[in-house]
Amino acid sequence: MTIPVPTLTFNDGHTIPQLGFGVFKVDPAETTRIVSDALEVGYRHLDTAAIYGNEAGVGAAIAASAVPRSELFVTTKLWNSDQGTQSAFDAFDLSLEKLGLDYVDLYLIHWPTPAKDRYVESWKALEQIRASGRARSIGVSNFLVPHLERLLAETEIVPAVNQIELHPAHQQQEVTAFARAHGIQIEAWGPLGQGKYPLLEEPVVVVAAEAHGKSPAQVVIRWHLQTGNILFPKSNRRARMIENLDVFDFELSHTELATISALERSGRVGSHPNDVN
């Protein structure tokens, strides 16, 4: 199935489907089936991580799929305990082995882990991995402005993306503005708030959903797309996967976008990046 998912261009010239499929907290035993469903219904952008424990399942689904590798965009991430130079190389090799791939499209430092103070060293290792061609693009996740400023000052390559917690109640406007000013794309994890607050019951979301004949979740996904975020909602249910992709036949008005953006309240639902070490 082909879905007309728009692409965004990285600062290195590579492109990424703006809407993808995430496998955070997907049971490793169920990952192959779930990712196979996602590929069948039209997803071509897959986001995993070493710490999720399901890279092998993602790889098995890719291997079993009829979708050419060239049509897929695959992301994985360097876990905190593997930060460093040689340890980053070893972790990347293991991720590739588990995925069964010759390269990934995007490799990220998962958290800055400032107490360890190894993210600059790790980034320099990622620069070498990119130079080898085994990661086409490299980026970071959960980095705040001071972490990004240090990378830009002490290393050669500007990250292609910063993957951060981002949803209407927590838009991280300072980080987002800094990233976009430096050509760094923003990826939103937890784009629907992970069900930790009643986002889909917010009156402005419900009214917009009724106006467009869509679900509240589709409206929030559309808000992300029109705001310029890359996102990859997850679901174990095929029907929900299809629903999350069915967001390209309507457009939110400027007023609808503004009222959803006005839900900002610094409502972080995940961990603070300075606290994960």
C-alpha atoms as a PDB file:
ATOM      1  CA  MET A   1       0.000   0.000   0.000  1.00  0.00           C
ATOM      2  CA  THR A   2       1.312   3.448  -0.878  1.00  0.00           C
ATOM      3  CA  ILE A   3       0.358   6.379   1.353  1.00  0.00           C
ATOM      4  CA  PRO A   4       1.351   9.911   0.238  1.00  0.00           C
ATOM      5  CA  VAL A   5       3.348  10.731   3.377  1.00  0.00           C
ATOM      6  CA  PRO A   6       5.251  14.016   2.925  1.00  0.00           C
ATOM      7  CA  THR A   7       8.998  14.073   3.452  1.00  0.00           C
ATOM      8  CA  LEU A   8      11.222  16.623   5.147  1.00  0.00           C
ATOM      9  CA  THR A   9      14.830  17.286   4.175  1.00  0.00           C
ATOM     10  CA  PHE A  10      17.706  17.069   6.634  1.00  0.00           C
ATOM     11  CA  ASN A  11      20.628  19.481   6.708  1.00  0.00           C
ATOM     12  CA  ASP A  12      22.728  16.716   5.095  1.00  0.00           C
ATOM     13  CA  GLY A  13      20.402  16.441   2.099  1.00  0.00           C
ATOM     14  CA  HIS A  14      18.723  13.150   3.045  1.00  0.00           C
ATOM     15  CA  THR A  15      14.943  13.020   3.428  1.00  0.00           C
ATOM     16  CA  ILE A  16      12.678  11.429   6.025  1.00  0.00           C
ATOM     17  CA  PRO A  17       8.956  10.539   5.896  1.00  0.00           C
ATOM     18  CA  GLN A  18       7.308  13.011   8.257  1.00  0.00           C
ATOM     19  CA  LEU A  19       4.965  10.384   9.720  1.00  0.00           C
ATOM     20  CA  GLY A  20       6.333   7.032  10.829  1.00  0.00           C
ATOM     21  CA  PHE A  21       5.770   4.116  13.194  1.00  0.00           C
ATOM     22  CA  GLY A  22       7.390   3.782  16.615  1.00  0.00           C
ATOM     23  CA  VAL A  23       8.019   0.602  18.592  1.00  0.00           C
ATOM     24  CA  PHE A  24       8.685   2.009  22.070  1.00  0.00           C
ATOM     25  CA  LYS A  25       7.401  -0.530  24.627  1.00  0.00           C
ATOM     26  CA  VAL A  26       6.355  -2.966  21.895  1.00  0.00           C
ATOM     27  CA  ASP A  27       6.799  -6.496  23.254  1.00  0.00           C
ATOM     28  CA  PRO A  28       9.846  -8.030  21.530  1.00  0.00           C
ATOM     29  CA  ALA A  29       7.871 -11.252  21.054  1.00  0.00           C
ATOM     30  CA  GLU A  30       5.173  -9.350  19.166  1.00  0.00           C
ATOM     31  CA  THR A  31       7.373  -6.874  17.303  1.00  0.00           C
ATOM     32  CA  THR A  32       7.722  -8.792  14.033  1.00  0.00           C
ATOM     33  CA  ARG A  33       3.953  -9.212  13.694  1.00  0.00           C
ATOM     34  CA  ILE A  34       3.203  -5.617  14.655  1.00  0.00           C
ATOM     35  CA  VAL A  35       5.849  -4.072  12.391  1.00  0.00           C
ATOM     36  CA  SER A  36       4.755  -6.359   9.552  1.00  0.00           C
ATOM     37  CA  ASP A  37       1.238  -4.965   9.969  1.00  0.00           C
ATOM     38  CA  ALA A  38       2.625  -1.430   9.940  1.00  0.00           C
ATOM     39  CA  LEU A  39       4.525  -2.068   6.704  1.00  0.00           C
ATOM     40  CA  GLU A  40       1.469  -3.683   5.115  1.00  0.00           C
ATOM     41  CA  VAL A  41      -0.780  -0.708   5.854  1.00  0.00           C
ATOM     42  CA  GLY A  42       1.735   1.741   4.434  1.00  0.00           C
ATOM     43  CA  TYR A  43       4.327   2.883   6.981  1.00  0.00           C
ATOM     44  CA  ARG A  44       7.827   3.297   5.574  1.00  0.00           C
ATOM     45  CA  HIS A  45       9.525   5.042   8.526  1.00  0.00           C
ATOM     46  CA  LEU A  46      10.348   2.831  11.542  1.00  0.00           C
ATOM     47  CA  ASP A  47      11.781   4.123  14.834  1.00  0.00           C
ATOM     48  CA  THR A  48      13.399   1.736  17.315  1.00  0.00           C
ATOM     49  CA  ALA A  49      16.273   1.806  19.836  1.00  0.00           C
ATOM     50  CA  ALA A  50      18.749  -0.585  21.394  1.00  0.00           C
ATOM     51  CA  ILE A  51      17.143  -0.200  24.829  1.00  0.00           C
ATOM     52  CA  TYR A  52      13.717  -1.225  23.481  1.00  0.00           C
ATOM     53  CA  GLY A  53      14.991  -4.779  23.053  1.00  0.00           C
ATOM     54  CA  ASN A  54      13.081  -5.247  19.813  1.00  0.00           C
ATOM     55  CA  GLU A  55      15.571  -4.379  17.054  1.00  0.00           C
ATOM     56  CA  ALA A  56      15.693  -8.048  16.005  1.00  0.00           C
ATOM     57  CA  GLY A  57      11.916  -8.118  15.607  1.00  0.00           C
ATOM     58  CA  VAL A  58      11.992  -4.965  13.500  1.00  0.00           C
ATOM     59  CA  GLY A  59      14.704  -6.502  11.350  1.00  0.00           C
ATOM     60  CA  ALA A  60      12.764  -9.739  10.922  1.00  0.00           C
ATOM     61  CA  ALA A  61       9.699  -7.798   9.744  1.00  0.00           C
ATOM     62  CA  ILE A  62      11.802  -5.861   7.250  1.00  0.00           C
ATOM     63  CA  ALA A  63      13.395  -9.086   5.970  1.00  0.00           C
ATOM     64  CA  ALA A  64       9.982 -10.724   5.535  1.00  0.00           C
ATOM     65  CA  SER A  65       8.465  -7.703   3.812  1.00  0.00           C
ATOM     66  CA  ALA A  66       8.231  -7.192   0.080  1.00  0.00           C
ATOM     67  CA  VAL A  67       9.043  -3.498   0.584  1.00  0.00           C
ATOM     68  CA  PRO A  68      12.455  -2.668  -0.931  1.00  0.00           C
ATOM     69  CA  ARG A  69      15.035  -1.489   1.589  1.00  0.00           C
ATOM     70  CA  SER A  70      15.483   1.677  -0.460  1.00  0.00           C
ATOM     71  CA  GLU A  71      11.885   2.656   0.329  1.00  0.00           C
ATOM     72  CA  LEU A  72      12.324   2.318   4.096  1.00  0.00           C
ATOM     73  CA  PHE A  73      13.660   4.765   6.656  1.00  0.00           C
ATOM     74  CA  VAL A  74      15.005   3.039   9.773  1.00  0.00           C
ATOM     75  CA  THR A  75      16.136   4.776  12.978  1.00  0.00           C
ATOM     76  CA  THR A  76      17.825   3.265  16.026  1.00  0.00           C
ATOM     77  CA  LYS A  77      19.615   4.776  19.010  1.00  0.00           C
ATOM     78  CA  LEU A  78      22.738   4.549  21.168  1.00  0.00           C
ATOM     79  CA  TRP A  79      21.854   3.737  24.778  1.00  0.00           C
ATOM     80  CA  ASN A  80      23.296   5.627  27.734  1.00  0.00           C
ATOM     81  CA  SER A  81      25.529   2.851  29.059  1.00  0.00           C
ATOM     82  CA  ASP A  82      27.174   2.552  25.637  1.00  0.00           C
ATOM     83  CA  GLN A  83      28.280   6.158  25.376  1.00  0.00           C
ATOM     84  CA  GLY A  84      31.966   6.607  24.639  1.00  0.00           C
ATOM     85  CA  THR A  85      34.094   6.009  21.549  1.00  0.00           C
ATOM     86  CA  GLN A  86      34.723   2.266  21.229  1.00  0.00           C
ATOM     87  CA  SER A  87      31.573   1.377  23.150  1.00  0.00           C
ATOM     88  CA  ALA A  88      29.521   3.439  20.683  1.00  0.00           C
ATOM     89  CA  PHE A  89      31.138   1.646  17.740  1.00  0.00           C
ATOM     90  CA  ASP A  90      30.435  -1.734  19.356  1.00  0.00           C
ATOM     91  CA  ALA A  91      26.825  -0.822  20.186  1.00  0.00           C
ATOM     92  CA  PHE A  92      26.209   0.377  16.651  1.00  0.00           C
ATOM     93  CA  ASP A  93      27.628  -2.845  15.204  1.00  0.00           C
ATOM     94  CA  LEU A  94      25.333  -4.860  17.465  1.00  0.00           C
ATOM     95  CA  SER A  95      22.292  -2.817  16.458  1.00  0.00           C
ATOM     96  CA  LEU A  96      23.039  -3.364  12.776  1.00  0.00           C
ATOM     97  CA  GLU A  97      23.467  -7.085  13.420  1.00  0.00           C
ATOM     98  CA  LYS A  98      20.151  -7.334  15.257  1.00  0.00           C
ATOM     99  CA  LEU A  99      18.379  -5.352  12.548  1.00  0.00           C
ATOM    100  CA  GLY A 100      19.999  -7.451   9.846  1.00  0.00           C
ATOM    101  CA  LEU A 101      20.838  -4.328   7.879  1.00  0.00           C
ATOM    102  CA  ASP A 102      23.913  -2.964   6.132  1.00  0.00           C
ATOM    103  CA  TYR A 103      23.039   0.571   7.204  1.00  0.00           C
ATOM    104  CA  VAL A 104      20.471   2.605   9.102  1.00  0.00           C
ATOM    105  CA  ASP A 105      19.023   5.825   7.823  1.00  0.00           C
ATOM    106  CA  LEU A 106      19.363   7.606  11.162  1.00  0.00           C
ATOM    107  CA  TYR A 107      21.380   6.877  14.306  1.00  0.00           C
ATOM    108  CA  LEU A 108      20.743   8.913  17.455  1.00  0.00           C
ATOM    109  CA  ILE A 109      22.328   9.469  20.848  1.00  0.00           C
ATOM    110  CA  HIS A 110      19.332   8.499  22.975  1.00  0.00           C
ATOM    111  CA  TRP A 111      19.927  10.856  25.953  1.00  0.00           C
ATOM    112  CA  PRO A 112      22.656  13.410  26.728  1.00  0.00           C
ATOM    113  CA  THR A 113      23.293  11.827  30.165  1.00  0.00           C
ATOM    114  CA  PRO A 114      25.089  14.982  31.377  1.00  0.00           C
ATOM    115  CA  ALA A 115      26.334  13.373  34.597  1.00  0.00           C
ATOM    116  CA  LYS A 116      28.435  10.984  32.492  1.00  0.00           C
ATOM    117  CA  ASP A 117      29.602  13.866  30.263  1.00  0.00           C
ATOM    118  CA  ARG A 118      30.353  11.591  27.310  1.00  0.00           C
ATOM    119  CA  TYR A 119      27.928  12.872  24.723  1.00  0.00           C
ATOM    120  CA  VAL A 120      30.536  14.963  22.883  1.00  0.00           C
ATOM    121  CA  GLU A 121      32.885  11.976  22.689  1.00  0.00           C
ATOM    122  CA  SER A 122      29.973   9.809  21.563  1.00  0.00           C
ATOM    123  CA  TRP A 123      28.956  12.332  18.926  1.00  0.00           C
ATOM    124  CA  LYS A 124      32.453  12.247  17.462  1.00  0.00           C
ATOM    125  CA  ALA A 125      32.081   8.460  17.196  1.00  0.00           C
ATOM    126  CA  LEU A 126      28.767   8.953  15.380  1.00  0.00           C
ATOM    127  CA  GLU A 127      30.516  11.329  12.980  1.00  0.00           C
ATOM    128  CA  GLN A 128      32.882   8.478  12.091  1.00  0.00           C
ATOM    129  CA  ILE A 129      29.965   6.067  11.712  1.00  0.00           C
ATOM    130  CA  ARG A 130      28.295   8.484   9.304  1.00  0.00           C
ATOM    131  CA  ALA A 131      31.543   8.843   7.347  1.00  0.00           C
ATOM    132  CA  SER A 132      31.606   5.047   6.939  1.00  0.00           C
ATOM    133  CA  GLY A 133      28.190   5.155   5.235  1.00  0.00           C
ATOM    134  CA  ARG A 134      26.638   2.748   7.721  1.00  0.00           C
ATOM    135  CA  ALA A 135      24.439   5.520   9.133  1.00  0.00           C
ATOM    136  CA  ARG A 136      23.263   7.912   6.465  1.00  0.00           C
ATOM    137  CA  SER A 137      22.321  10.601   8.963  1.00  0.00           C
ATOM    138  CA  ILE A 138      23.065  11.137  12.646  1.00  0.00           C
ATOM    139  CA  GLY A 139      21.215  13.043  15.308  1.00  0.00           C
ATOM    140  CA  VAL A 140      20.372  13.334  18.973  1.00  0.00           C
ATOM    141  CA  SER A 141      17.427  12.737  21.251  1.00  0.00           C
ATOM    142  CA  ASN A 142      16.302  14.566  24.379  1.00  0.00           C
ATOM    143  CA  PHE A 143      18.982  17.260  24.036  1.00  0.00           C
ATOM    144  CA  LEU A 144      18.338  20.666  25.559  1.00  0.00           C
ATOM    145  CA  VAL A 145      19.775  23.942  24.276  1.00  0.00           C
ATOM    146  CA  PRO A 146      22.995  23.803  26.365  1.00  0.00           C
ATOM    147  CA  HIS A 147      23.722  20.283  25.088  1.00  0.00           C
ATOM    148  CA  LEU A 148      23.156  21.362  21.493  1.00  0.00           C
ATOM    149  CA  GLU A 149      25.276  24.483  21.934  1.00  0.00           C
ATOM    150  CA  ARG A 150      28.171  22.393  23.176  1.00  0.00           C
ATOM    151  CA  LEU A 151      27.923  19.952  20.267  1.00  0.00           C
ATOM    152  CA  LEU A 152      27.899  22.797  17.764  1.00  0.00           C
ATOM    153  CA  ALA A 153      30.947  24.378  19.427  1.00  0.00           C
ATOM    154  CA  GLU A 154      33.062  21.237  19.855  1.00  0.00           C
ATOM    155  CA  THR A 155      32.243  18.963  16.901  1.00  0.00           C
ATOM    156  CA  GLU A 156      32.064  19.112  13.122  1.00  0.00           C
ATOM    157  CA  ILE A 157      28.602  17.881  12.109  1.00  0.00           C
ATOM    158  CA  VAL A 158      25.332  19.577  13.042  1.00  0.00           C
ATOM    159  CA  PRO A 159      22.760  16.967  14.129  1.00  0.00           C
ATOM    160  CA  ALA A 160      20.156  16.179  11.501  1.00  0.00           C
ATOM    161  CA  VAL A 161      17.426  15.898  14.150  1.00  0.00           C
ATOM    162  CA  ASN A 162      16.650  16.282  17.822  1.00  0.00           C
ATOM    163  CA  GLN A 163      14.025  13.781  18.943  1.00  0.00           C
ATOM    164  CA  ILE A 164      12.271  15.213  22.001  1.00  0.00           C
ATOM    165  CA  GLU A 165       9.124  14.799  24.036  1.00  0.00           C
ATOM    166  CA  LEU A 166       6.654  17.079  22.285  1.00  0.00           C
ATOM    167  CA  HIS A 167       2.865  17.284  22.396  1.00  0.00           C
ATOM    168  CA  PRO A 168       0.409  20.169  22.794  1.00  0.00           C
ATOM    169  CA  ALA A 169       0.887  20.485  26.564  1.00  0.00           C
ATOM    170  CA  HIS A 170       4.693  20.394  26.299  1.00  0.00           C
ATOM    171  CA  GLN A 171       5.990  21.976  23.106  1.00  0.00           C
ATOM    172  CA  GLN A 172       9.574  22.732  24.213  1.00  0.00           C
ATOM    173  CA  GLN A 173       9.528  26.028  22.369  1.00  0.00           C
ATOM    174  CA  GLU A 174      13.061  27.094  23.381  1.00  0.00           C
ATOM    175  CA  VAL A 175      14.606  23.817  22.171  1.00  0.00           C
ATOM    176  CA  THR A 176      12.477  23.809  19.027  1.00  0.00           C
ATOM    177  CA  ALA A 177      13.344  27.389  18.123  1.00  0.00           C
ATOM    178  CA  PHE A 178      17.072  26.796  18.658  1.00  0.00           C
ATOM    179  CA  ALA A 179      17.029  23.606  16.603  1.00  0.00           C
ATOM    180  CA  ARG A 180      15.177  25.123  13.680  1.00  0.00           C
ATOM    181  CA  ALA A 181      17.450  28.176  13.698  1.00  0.00           C
ATOM    182  CA  HIS A 182      20.375  25.787  13.194  1.00  0.00           C
ATOM    183  CA  GLY A 183      18.771  23.552  10.574  1.00  0.00           C
ATOM    184  CA  ILE A 184      17.997  20.703  12.976  1.00  0.00           C
ATOM    185  CA  GLN A 185      14.683  18.935  12.364  1.00  0.00           C
ATOM    186  CA  ILE A 186      12.416  18.215  15.324  1.00  0.00           C
ATOM    187  CA  GLU A 187      11.037  14.739  15.944  1.00  0.00           C
ATOM    188  CA  ALA A 188       8.247  14.437  18.497  1.00  0.00           C
ATOM    189  CA  TRP A 189       8.138  11.433  20.776  1.00  0.00           C
ATOM    190  CA  GLY A 190       5.025  10.903  22.859  1.00  0.00           C
ATOM    191  CA  PRO A 191       3.147  13.021  20.281  1.00  0.00           C
ATOM    192  CA  LEU A 192      -0.240  12.190  21.817  1.00  0.00           C
ATOM    193  CA  GLY A 193       0.953  12.660  25.394  1.00  0.00           C
ATOM    194  CA  GLN A 194       1.257   8.910  25.998  1.00  0.00           C
ATOM    195  CA  GLY A 195      -2.256   8.905  27.479  1.00  0.00           C
ATOM    196  CA  LYS A 196      -0.905  10.587  30.624  1.00  0.00           C
ATOM    197  CA  TYR A 197      -3.292  13.523  30.434  1.00  0.00           C
ATOM    198  CA  PRO A 198      -6.684  13.891  28.717  1.00  0.00           C
ATOM    199  CA  LEU A 199      -5.357  15.512  25.538  1.00  0.00           C
ATOM    200  CA  LEU A 200      -7.895  13.788  23.316  1.00  0.00           C
ATOM    201  CA  GLU A 201     -10.732  15.119  25.497  1.00  0.00           C
ATOM    202  CA  GLU A 202      -9.629  18.753  25.282  1.00  0.00           C
ATOM    203  CA  PRO A 203     -12.611  20.744  23.925  1.00  0.00           C
ATOM    204  CA  VAL A 204     -10.556  22.466  21.198  1.00  0.00           C
ATOM    205  CA  VAL A 205      -9.343  19.075  19.949  1.00  0.00           C
ATOM    206  CA  VAL A 206     -12.813  17.538  20.088  1.00  0.00           C
ATOM    207  CA  VAL A 207     -14.396  20.495  18.260  1.00  0.00           C
ATOM    208  CA  ALA A 208     -11.785  20.330  15.496  1.00  0.00           C
ATOM    209  CA  ALA A 209     -12.295  16.572  15.176  1.00  0.00           C
ATOM    210  CA  GLU A 210     -16.046  17.014  14.795  1.00  0.00           C
ATOM    211  CA  ALA A 211     -15.565  19.789  12.250  1.00  0.00           C
ATOM    212  CA  HIS A 212     -13.394  17.608  10.025  1.00  0.00           C
ATOM    213  CA  GLY A 213     -15.062  14.243  10.601  1.00  0.00           C
ATOM    214  CA  LYS A 214     -11.886  12.874  12.157  1.00  0.00           C
ATOM    215  CA  SER A 215     -10.859  11.442  15.524  1.00  0.00           C
ATOM    216  CA  PRO A 216      -9.191  13.607  18.179  1.00  0.00           C
ATOM    217  CA  ALA A 217      -5.966  11.602  17.691  1.00  0.00           C
ATOM    218  CA  GLN A 218      -5.996  12.352  13.963  1.00  0.00           C
ATOM    219  CA  VAL A 219      -6.406  16.045  14.739  1.00  0.00           C
ATOM    220  CA  VAL A 220      -3.367  16.054  17.048  1.00  0.00           C
ATOM    221  CA  ILE A 221      -1.311  14.166  14.467  1.00  0.00           C
ATOM    222  CA  ARG A 222      -2.368  16.731  11.886  1.00  0.00           C
ATOM    223  CA  TRP A 223      -1.354  19.544  14.262  1.00  0.00           C
ATOM    224  CA  HIS A 224       2.140  18.035  14.459  1.00  0.00           C
ATOM    225  CA  LEU A 225       2.401  17.696  10.694  1.00  0.00           C
ATOM    226  CA  GLN A 226       1.313  21.258  10.014  1.00  0.00           C
ATOM    227  CA  THR A 227       3.610  22.538  12.765  1.00  0.00           C
ATOM    228  CA  GLY A 228       6.538  20.905  10.988  1.00  0.00           C
ATOM    229  CA  ASN A 229       7.273  18.089  13.423  1.00  0.00           C
ATOM    230  CA  ILE A 230       8.286  14.570  12.455  1.00  0.00           C
ATOM    231  CA  LEU A 231       6.354  12.001  14.475  1.00  0.00           C
ATOM    232  CA  PHE A 232       5.874   8.258  14.795  1.00  0.00           C
ATOM    233  CA  PRO A 233       2.881   7.279  16.934  1.00  0.00           C
ATOM    234  CA  LYS A 234       2.774   3.643  17.992  1.00  0.00           C
ATOM    235  CA  SER A 235      -0.088   1.199  18.182  1.00  0.00           C
ATOM    236  CA  ASN A 236      -0.349  -2.561  18.459  1.00  0.00           C
ATOM    237  CA  ARG A 237      -3.703  -2.489  16.668  1.00  0.00           C
ATOM    238  CA  ARG A 238      -3.874  -2.587  12.873  1.00  0.00           C
ATOM    239  CA  ALA A 239      -7.062  -0.475  12.793  1.00  0.00           C
ATOM    240  CA  ARG A 240      -5.374   2.275  14.810  1.00  0.00           C
ATOM    241  CA  MET A 241      -2.301   2.133  12.579  1.00  0.00           C
ATOM    242  CA  ILE A 242      -4.557   2.767   9.593  1.00  0.00           C
ATOM    243  CA  GLU A 243      -6.356   5.582  11.402  1.00  0.00           C
ATOM    244  CA  ASN A 244      -3.079   7.288  12.310  1.00  0.00           C
ATOM    245  CA  LEU A 245      -2.048   7.301   8.640  1.00  0.00           C
ATOM    246  CA  ASP A 246      -5.401   8.654   7.460  1.00  0.00           C
ATOM    247  CA  VAL A 247      -4.514  12.302   8.060  1.00  0.00           C
ATOM    248  CA  PHE A 248      -3.643  13.638   4.626  1.00  0.00           C
ATOM    249  CA  ASP A 249      -7.127  14.468   3.336  1.00  0.00           C
ATOM    250  CA  PHE A 250      -7.851  17.420   5.624  1.00  0.00           C
ATOM    251  CA  GLU A 251      -6.124  20.520   6.945  1.00  0.00           C
ATOM    252  CA  LEU A 252      -6.523  22.408  10.200  1.00  0.00           C
ATOM    253  CA  SER A 253      -7.242  26.120   9.960  1.00  0.00           C
ATOM    254  CA  HIS A 254      -4.920  28.736  11.416  1.00  0.00           C
ATOM    255  CA  THR A 255      -7.401  29.203  14.242  1.00  0.00           C
ATOM    256  CA  GLU A 256      -7.549  25.482  14.985  1.00  0.00           C
ATOM    257  CA  LEU A 257      -3.760  25.257  15.000  1.00  0.00           C
ATOM    258  CA  ALA A 258      -3.529  28.238  17.338  1.00  0.00           C
ATOM    259  CA  THR A 259      -6.110  26.922  19.800  1.00  0.00           C
ATOM    260  CA  ILE A 260      -4.329  23.571  20.030  1.00  0.00           C
ATOM    261  CA  SER A 261      -0.965  25.317  20.428  1.00  0.00           C
ATOM    262  CA  ALA A 262      -2.509  27.325  23.271  1.00  0.00           C
ATOM    263  CA  LEU A 263      -2.738  24.092  25.302  1.00  0.00           C
ATOM    264  CA  GLU A 264       0.952  24.557  26.217  1.00  0.00           C
ATOM    265  CA  ARG A 265       1.521  24.380  29.964  1.00  0.00           C
ATOM    266  CA  SER A 266       5.022  22.899  30.323  1.00  0.00           C
ATOM    267  CA  GLY A 267       3.297  19.593  30.903  1.00  0.00           C
ATOM    268  CA  ARG A 268       6.189  17.166  30.582  1.00  0.00           C
ATOM    269  CA  VAL A 269       5.022  13.554  31.047  1.00  0.00           C
ATOM    270  CA  GLY A 270       8.414  11.865  30.605  1.00  0.00           C
ATOM    271  CA  SER A 271      11.775  12.257  32.314  1.00  0.00           C
ATOM    272  CA  HIS A 272      13.743  15.492  32.304  1.00  0.00           C
ATOM    273  CA  PRO A 273      16.885  15.079  30.161  1.00  0.00           C
ATOM    274  CA  ASN A 274      19.172  16.237  32.978  1.00  0.00           C
ATOM    275  CA  ASP A 275      17.830  13.487  35.236  1.00  0.00           C
ATOM    276  CA  VAL A 276      18.498  10.506  32.945  1.00  0.00           C
ATOM    277  CA  ASN A 277      22.081   9.320  33.442  1.00  0.00           C
END
